[in-house]
Amino acid sequence: MEQVRYAIADASVIIFLVERMVLPIEAEIADVLRRSGRPVVFAANKFDEPGEVKDTSEFYSLGFGEPILISALHGHNVAELLDKVVEKLPHNSDNFDEEERTRIAVVGRANVGKSTYINALLGSKRVVVSEKPGTTRDPVEVYFDRDDVHYTLVDTGGIRKTKDPISFYSVIRTLRAINSAHIILHLIDANDGLTNFDKKIARIAIQNYKSLVIGVNKWDLMPKGENLKNKYREAIYERAPFLYFVPIVFLSALMKKNVSKTLDVIKKVSEISKLRIKTSELNELLYKLTREREIPSEKGKQVKFFYATQLDESYPSFVLFVKNARYVSLQYRHFIEKNIRETFGLIGVPVKLRFKEKK
């Protein structure tokens, strides 16, 4: 019930959905809704026959008048229900637009502590926590502000291999949450380390050009040691070299240790993603790199770099004008990317290089 009260407090409009008969618990829910002061759209489900007539007098006892009779199964009157919801939506909202918020998707395998992490960060039980894997099926969004920064936290369902259709669609919705987020906080279990499945999740985030932070949760269960964090961090980078630029935070969501530190790192990564690099500084580095390391020549084609500039993207993206651009080797592309990262401190953010032909 506590999660319900939080959901009511966050809502602009509430759909109060009952079935064909009024139950005692629904009278209690109605009382909570009336005291909330939120606009309510009242609906009764499972009226599956079009034009079905029913005595609706018993619904009046709930205090919301006559309900809209719908059939969620067959879609009867659902459009009318949505019209009522739209009518009750506030025209002038005090909430910030999504574009003004930093959207963070908290992802990971089932039962790594994503919901516990969000509750610890917010200091309240906003999402359901259970030891049973798969408790969170659908992404749960929570708005909060900290240090004048506006965030949207998305608690996603645990990603796991399964033939269960409900879990399958939960995974699909998690992938959509990753795609719509600005930054991905990827939680892993300290006891398990970076599993093959974790590598797949991280690779999905990187392939979608998302900023990424890795949180090693349940660190309180690990043996104490001064160098353990360094060794653990090195083991992750060795197991997944493509994560070399991703910051790693060690935390315990259950014990509320280093939970706020993850947000500090996320804030820093968010600021880095908006960094604009001067064209002159970028070309000075490019000139230096091409002098330090000879550009490999493929099929007898001479490759020559002219200049580079940063594009107006939501993450660091650059276009490099090159003679015989398609002959720049993958290894040399990685060489340039790595040096751009190191020179300008592009930690945790995606970097995209586009090689454009110029004669």
Protein backbone atom coordinates (compact mmCIF):
# COMPACT_ATOMS: atom_id res chain seq x y z
CA MET A 1 0.00 0.00 0.00
CA GLU A 2 2.95 2.30 0.63
CA GLN A 3 4.00 2.08 -3.04
CA VAL A 4 0.40 2.87 -4.03
CA ARG A 5 0.43 6.04 -1.92
CA TYR A 6 3.65 7.17 -3.58
CA ALA A 7 2.17 6.47 -7.02
CA ILE A 8 -0.92 8.53 -6.12
CA ALA A 9 1.24 11.41 -4.93
CA ASP A 10 3.21 11.39 -8.21
CA ALA A 11 0.17 11.06 -10.50
CA SER A 12 -1.50 13.85 -12.46
CA VAL A 13 -4.61 11.73 -13.11
CA ILE A 14 -5.67 8.42 -11.51
CA ILE A 15 -7.69 5.66 -13.17
CA PHE A 16 -9.70 3.88 -10.46
CA LEU A 17 -10.48 0.51 -12.03
CA VAL A 18 -12.89 -1.97 -10.46
CA GLU A 19 -14.61 -5.11 -11.72
CA ARG A 20 -18.30 -5.95 -12.08
CA MET A 21 -18.87 -6.13 -8.31
CA VAL A 22 -17.70 -3.70 -5.63
CA LEU A 23 -15.39 -5.30 -3.05
CA PRO A 24 -14.83 -4.05 0.54
CA ILE A 25 -11.17 -3.22 -0.18
CA GLU A 26 -12.29 -0.88 -2.97
CA ALA A 27 -14.16 1.27 -0.46
CA GLU A 28 -10.84 1.77 1.37
CA ILE A 29 -9.07 2.62 -1.89
CA ALA A 30 -11.81 5.10 -2.77
CA ASP A 31 -11.33 6.82 0.59
CA VAL A 32 -7.57 7.16 -0.05
CA LEU A 33 -8.25 8.57 -3.52
CA ARG A 34 -10.76 11.12 -2.28
CA ARG A 35 -8.34 12.40 0.35
CA SER A 36 -5.52 12.61 -2.21
CA GLY A 37 -7.15 15.51 -4.06
CA ARG A 38 -6.05 14.05 -7.40
CA PRO A 39 -8.47 13.95 -10.38
CA VAL A 40 -9.94 10.44 -10.74
CA VAL A 41 -11.38 8.66 -13.77
CA PHE A 42 -13.69 5.87 -12.57
CA ALA A 43 -14.03 2.72 -14.69
CA ALA A 44 -15.44 -0.80 -14.32
CA ASN A 45 -13.84 -3.62 -16.31
CA LYS A 46 -15.03 -6.97 -17.76
CA PHE A 47 -18.17 -5.70 -19.46
CA ASP A 48 -17.33 -7.76 -22.51
CA GLU A 49 -20.64 -7.62 -24.39
CA PRO A 50 -21.15 -4.42 -26.46
CA GLY A 51 -24.15 -2.44 -25.26
CA GLU A 52 -24.50 -4.56 -22.12
CA VAL A 53 -26.83 -2.94 -19.58
CA LYS A 54 -26.18 -3.28 -15.85
CA ASP A 55 -27.52 -1.70 -12.71
CA THR A 56 -24.61 0.56 -11.69
CA SER A 57 -26.17 1.89 -8.50
CA GLU A 58 -23.81 -0.06 -6.25
CA PHE A 59 -20.83 1.78 -7.78
CA TYR A 60 -22.20 5.11 -6.50
CA SER A 61 -21.28 4.03 -2.95
CA LEU A 62 -17.63 4.63 -3.85
CA GLY A 63 -18.32 8.33 -4.30
CA PHE A 64 -17.14 8.79 -7.91
CA GLY A 65 -20.49 8.63 -9.68
CA GLU A 66 -21.21 6.26 -12.56
CA PRO A 67 -18.18 4.41 -13.94
CA ILE A 68 -17.23 4.04 -17.60
CA LEU A 69 -18.03 0.42 -18.44
CA ILE A 70 -15.13 -1.07 -20.41
CA SER A 71 -13.74 -4.35 -21.63
CA ALA A 72 -9.97 -4.29 -21.52
CA LEU A 73 -9.96 -7.72 -23.19
CA HIS A 74 -11.95 -6.59 -26.24
CA GLY A 75 -11.17 -2.87 -26.17
CA HIS A 76 -14.77 -1.73 -25.66
CA ASN A 77 -14.97 1.90 -24.46
CA VAL A 78 -11.21 2.08 -23.83
CA ALA A 79 -10.91 5.06 -26.19
CA GLU A 80 -13.66 6.85 -24.24
CA LEU A 81 -11.76 6.13 -21.03
CA LEU A 82 -8.59 7.68 -22.46
CA ASP A 83 -10.56 10.73 -23.62
CA LYS A 84 -11.67 11.27 -20.02
CA VAL A 85 -8.08 10.95 -18.82
CA VAL A 86 -6.92 13.56 -21.33
CA GLU A 87 -9.72 15.92 -20.24
CA LYS A 88 -8.53 15.77 -16.63
CA LEU A 89 -4.83 16.25 -17.38
CA PRO A 90 -3.61 19.63 -16.06
CA HIS A 91 -2.92 22.18 -18.79
CA ASN A 92 -0.20 23.97 -16.86
CA SER A 93 2.07 21.49 -15.12
CA ASP A 94 4.80 22.42 -12.68
CA ASN A 95 6.77 19.32 -13.71
CA PHE A 96 9.84 19.81 -15.84
CA ASP A 97 9.78 18.59 -19.41
CA GLU A 98 11.58 15.33 -20.04
CA GLU A 99 14.12 17.21 -22.15
CA GLU A 100 15.22 19.09 -19.02
CA ARG A 101 15.75 15.91 -17.02
CA THR A 102 18.70 13.55 -16.94
CA ARG A 103 17.15 10.17 -17.66
CA ILE A 104 18.91 7.26 -15.92
CA ALA A 105 18.01 3.64 -16.67
CA VAL A 106 19.05 1.26 -13.88
CA VAL A 107 19.67 -2.08 -15.58
CA GLY A 108 21.17 -5.46 -14.76
CA ARG A 109 20.43 -9.12 -14.35
CA ALA A 110 17.50 -10.26 -12.24
CA ASN A 111 17.89 -9.77 -8.48
CA VAL A 112 21.08 -7.70 -8.49
CA GLY A 113 19.39 -5.05 -6.33
CA LYS A 114 18.08 -2.43 -8.77
CA SER A 115 14.91 -1.66 -6.81
CA THR A 116 16.81 -1.69 -3.51
CA TYR A 117 19.28 0.79 -4.99
CA ILE A 118 16.54 3.21 -6.07
CA ASN A 119 14.82 2.99 -2.67
CA ALA A 120 18.14 3.63 -0.92
CA LEU A 121 18.87 6.62 -3.16
CA LEU A 122 15.45 8.15 -2.55
CA GLY A 123 15.30 7.22 1.12
CA SER A 124 11.88 5.60 0.75
CA LYS A 125 10.24 2.42 -0.53
CA ARG A 126 9.15 3.74 -3.90
CA VAL A 127 9.47 0.41 -5.73
CA VAL A 128 8.72 -3.15 -4.65
CA VAL A 129 11.67 -5.18 -3.38
CA SER A 130 11.66 -8.96 -3.14
CA GLU A 131 14.22 -11.75 -2.96
CA LYS A 132 12.31 -13.48 -5.73
CA PRO A 133 13.90 -12.71 -9.13
CA GLY A 134 11.70 -10.92 -11.62
CA THR A 135 9.63 -8.88 -9.15
CA THR A 136 9.94 -5.82 -11.39
CA ARG A 137 8.33 -6.65 -14.73
CA ASP A 138 7.72 -3.21 -16.20
CA PRO A 139 9.98 -0.15 -16.06
CA VAL A 140 9.05 2.09 -13.10
CA GLU A 141 9.83 5.79 -13.47
CA VAL A 142 10.60 8.04 -10.50
CA TYR A 143 11.26 11.80 -10.65
CA PHE A 144 13.58 13.46 -8.18
CA ASP A 145 15.88 16.48 -7.92
CA ARG A 146 19.29 16.84 -6.38
CA ASP A 147 21.68 19.83 -6.36
CA ASP A 148 19.43 21.67 -8.84
CA VAL A 149 19.64 18.77 -11.30
CA HIS A 150 16.38 17.10 -12.35
CA TYR A 151 16.48 13.32 -12.77
CA THR A 152 14.20 10.59 -14.03
CA LEU A 153 15.15 7.19 -12.58
CA VAL A 154 13.90 4.15 -14.49
CA ASP A 155 13.86 0.87 -12.55
CA THR A 156 13.81 -1.85 -15.21
CA GLY A 157 12.97 -5.53 -15.08
CA GLY A 158 15.92 -7.87 -14.68
CA ILE A 159 17.34 -9.12 -17.96
CA ARG A 160 17.65 -12.91 -18.05
CA LYS A 161 17.35 -15.86 -20.41
CA THR A 162 13.81 -17.17 -20.26
CA LYS A 163 11.06 -18.74 -22.33
CA ASP A 164 8.35 -17.15 -20.17
CA PRO A 165 6.46 -14.74 -22.48
CA ILE A 166 5.85 -12.21 -19.68
CA SER A 167 9.57 -12.09 -18.85
CA PHE A 168 10.38 -11.89 -22.56
CA TYR A 169 8.32 -8.73 -22.99
CA SER A 170 9.83 -7.37 -19.77
CA VAL A 171 13.23 -7.68 -21.46
CA ILE A 172 11.92 -5.88 -24.54
CA ARG A 173 10.68 -3.01 -22.38
CA THR A 174 14.05 -2.88 -20.62
CA LEU A 175 15.81 -2.54 -23.97
CA ARG A 176 13.46 0.31 -24.85
CA ALA A 177 14.29 1.97 -21.52
CA ILE A 178 18.00 1.72 -22.40
CA ASN A 179 17.35 3.28 -25.79
CA SER A 180 15.41 6.23 -24.31
CA ALA A 181 17.87 6.94 -21.45
CA HIS A 182 20.73 9.45 -21.36
CA ILE A 183 22.84 7.40 -18.95
CA ILE A 184 22.82 3.71 -18.06
CA LEU A 185 23.65 2.60 -14.52
CA HIS A 186 24.51 -1.06 -14.95
CA LEU A 187 24.42 -2.89 -11.61
CA ILE A 188 26.28 -6.17 -11.25
CA ASP A 189 26.48 -8.57 -8.31
CA ALA A 190 29.84 -8.38 -6.53
CA ASN A 191 29.71 -12.12 -5.76
CA ASP A 192 29.22 -13.07 -9.41
CA GLY A 193 31.50 -10.53 -11.04
CA LEU A 194 30.99 -9.47 -14.65
CA THR A 195 29.16 -12.41 -16.21
CA ASN A 196 28.78 -13.10 -19.93
CA PHE A 197 25.22 -11.83 -19.68
CA ASP A 198 26.46 -8.61 -18.03
CA LYS A 199 28.87 -8.16 -20.94
CA LYS A 200 25.95 -8.42 -23.36
CA ILE A 201 23.96 -5.81 -21.43
CA ALA A 202 26.92 -3.40 -21.36
CA ARG A 203 27.57 -3.93 -25.05
CA ILE A 204 23.92 -3.10 -25.86
CA ALA A 205 24.30 0.21 -24.02
CA ILE A 206 27.53 1.07 -25.85
CA GLN A 207 26.18 0.05 -29.25
CA ASN A 208 23.26 2.43 -28.64
CA TYR A 209 25.73 5.25 -27.86
CA LYS A 210 24.64 5.61 -24.23
CA SER A 211 26.77 6.92 -21.39
CA LEU A 212 27.54 4.10 -18.99
CA VAL A 213 28.44 3.70 -15.31
CA ILE A 214 28.96 0.29 -13.70
CA GLY A 215 27.88 -0.19 -10.09
CA VAL A 216 29.24 -3.24 -8.26
CA ASN A 217 26.47 -3.91 -5.75
CA LYS A 218 26.52 -6.06 -2.57
CA TRP A 219 30.11 -5.02 -1.89
CA ASP A 220 29.41 -5.41 1.85
CA LEU A 221 29.48 -9.20 1.32
CA MET A 222 33.02 -9.16 -0.07
CA PRO A 223 36.13 -9.78 2.06
CA LYS A 224 37.96 -6.67 3.23
CA GLY A 225 41.23 -5.69 1.57
CA GLU A 226 42.94 -2.49 0.48
CA ASN A 227 43.71 -3.60 -3.06
CA LEU A 228 40.56 -5.64 -3.61
CA LYS A 229 38.74 -2.82 -5.42
CA ASN A 230 41.67 -2.21 -7.75
CA LYS A 231 42.01 -5.91 -8.52
CA TYR A 232 38.26 -6.23 -9.06
CA ARG A 233 38.27 -3.20 -11.39
CA GLU A 234 41.23 -4.58 -13.36
CA ALA A 235 39.49 -7.96 -13.66
CA ILE A 236 36.42 -6.29 -15.21
CA TYR A 237 38.53 -4.37 -17.74
CA GLU A 238 40.52 -7.50 -18.56
CA ARG A 239 37.36 -9.56 -19.06
CA ALA A 240 35.70 -6.84 -21.16
CA PRO A 241 38.38 -4.56 -22.70
CA PHE A 242 35.69 -2.54 -24.52
CA LEU A 243 34.68 -1.13 -21.11
CA TYR A 244 38.07 0.52 -20.52
CA PHE A 245 36.55 4.03 -20.41
CA VAL A 246 33.62 3.16 -18.09
CA PRO A 247 33.83 4.29 -14.43
CA ILE A 248 33.15 1.65 -11.76
CA VAL A 249 31.58 2.38 -8.36
CA PHE A 250 31.52 -0.13 -5.48
CA LEU A 251 28.41 0.06 -3.33
CA SER A 252 25.92 -1.68 -1.08
CA ALA A 253 22.34 -0.66 -1.78
CA LEU A 254 21.10 -2.67 1.21
CA MET A 255 23.52 -0.99 3.63
CA LYS A 256 23.18 2.38 1.80
CA LYS A 257 26.94 2.65 1.28
CA ASN A 258 28.26 4.71 -1.67
CA VAL A 259 24.73 4.97 -3.08
CA SER A 260 24.96 8.75 -3.40
CA LYS A 261 28.46 8.38 -4.88
CA THR A 262 26.96 6.67 -7.92
CA LEU A 263 24.86 9.78 -8.51
CA ASP A 264 27.97 11.97 -8.19
CA VAL A 265 29.67 9.89 -10.89
CA ILE A 266 26.52 9.97 -13.06
CA LYS A 267 26.38 13.76 -12.75
CA LYS A 268 30.04 14.03 -13.78
CA VAL A 269 29.49 11.73 -16.78
CA SER A 270 26.44 13.78 -17.78
CA GLU A 271 28.53 16.96 -17.73
CA ILE A 272 31.26 15.30 -19.80
CA SER A 273 28.72 14.21 -22.43
CA LYS A 274 27.90 17.90 -23.02
CA LEU A 275 31.55 18.94 -23.35
CA ARG A 276 32.41 20.99 -26.43
CA ILE A 277 35.99 20.66 -27.65
CA LYS A 278 37.59 23.53 -29.52
CA THR A 279 38.25 22.72 -33.17
CA SER A 280 41.80 24.07 -32.85
CA GLU A 281 42.59 21.76 -29.91
CA LEU A 282 41.09 18.79 -31.69
CA ASN A 283 43.17 19.39 -34.82
CA GLU A 284 46.34 19.96 -32.80
CA LEU A 285 45.84 16.49 -31.32
CA LEU A 286 45.06 14.97 -34.73
CA TYR A 287 48.22 16.52 -36.20
CA LYS A 288 50.27 15.19 -33.28
CA LEU A 289 48.84 11.66 -33.59
CA THR A 290 49.43 11.38 -37.33
CA ARG A 291 53.05 12.42 -36.79
CA GLU A 292 53.60 10.05 -33.87
CA ARG A 293 52.17 6.99 -35.57
CA GLU A 294 52.31 6.45 -39.29
CA ILE A 295 48.93 5.91 -40.92
CA PRO A 296 48.77 2.33 -42.28
CA SER A 297 48.37 2.17 -46.04
CA GLU A 298 45.95 -0.40 -47.39
CA LYS A 299 45.93 -1.61 -51.00
CA GLY A 300 48.53 0.97 -51.89
CA LYS A 301 46.15 3.84 -51.08
CA GLN A 302 47.66 6.80 -49.29
CA VAL A 303 45.55 8.01 -46.38
CA LYS A 304 45.80 11.65 -45.43
CA PHE A 305 43.98 13.51 -42.62
CA PHE A 306 42.98 17.12 -43.31
CA TYR A 307 41.02 18.32 -40.28
CA ALA A 308 38.37 17.33 -37.71
CA THR A 309 35.49 19.04 -35.96
CA GLN A 310 32.90 18.15 -33.33
CA LEU A 311 29.29 17.64 -34.37
CA ASP A 312 26.26 18.96 -32.51
CA GLU A 313 25.15 15.70 -30.87
CA SER A 314 24.00 14.65 -27.40
CA TYR A 315 27.34 12.87 -26.93
CA PRO A 316 30.89 13.54 -28.21
CA SER A 317 30.71 12.93 -31.95
CA PHE A 318 33.37 14.01 -34.46
CA VAL A 319 33.77 14.11 -38.20
CA LEU A 320 37.26 13.69 -39.67
CA PHE A 321 37.87 14.74 -43.27
CA VAL A 322 40.25 12.27 -44.85
CA LYS A 323 41.68 11.40 -48.24
CA ASN A 324 40.81 7.74 -48.95
CA ALA A 325 38.67 7.61 -45.80
CA ARG A 326 37.43 4.06 -46.34
CA TYR A 327 41.00 2.75 -46.13
CA VAL A 328 41.54 3.94 -42.54
CA SER A 329 42.03 0.69 -40.61
CA LEU A 330 39.85 -0.26 -37.65
CA GLN A 331 42.95 -0.42 -35.48
CA TYR A 332 43.91 3.16 -36.36
CA ARG A 333 40.35 4.35 -35.70
CA HIS A 334 40.55 2.85 -32.21
CA PHE A 335 43.94 4.51 -31.74
CA ILE A 336 42.49 7.95 -32.52
CA GLU A 337 39.38 7.38 -30.37
CA LYS A 338 41.42 6.25 -27.36
CA ASN A 339 43.70 9.30 -27.56
CA ILE A 340 40.76 11.70 -27.90
CA ARG A 341 39.25 10.12 -24.77
CA GLU A 342 42.47 10.34 -22.76
CA THR A 343 43.34 13.89 -23.88
CA PHE A 344 39.93 15.43 -23.17
CA GLY A 345 38.85 13.20 -20.26
CA LEU A 346 35.87 11.60 -21.99
CA ILE A 347 35.08 9.11 -19.23
CA GLY A 348 31.89 7.05 -19.31
CA VAL A 349 30.51 8.63 -22.49
CA PRO A 350 30.18 7.25 -26.01
CA VAL A 351 32.50 8.64 -28.68
CA LYS A 352 31.61 8.43 -32.34
CA LEU A 353 34.10 9.07 -35.14
CA ARG A 354 32.89 9.63 -38.70
CA PHE A 355 35.48 9.52 -41.46
CA LYS A 356 34.35 11.60 -44.41
CA GLU A 357 36.00 11.57 -47.81
CA LYS A 358 37.76 14.77 -48.87
CA LYS A 359 39.98 15.04 -51.94
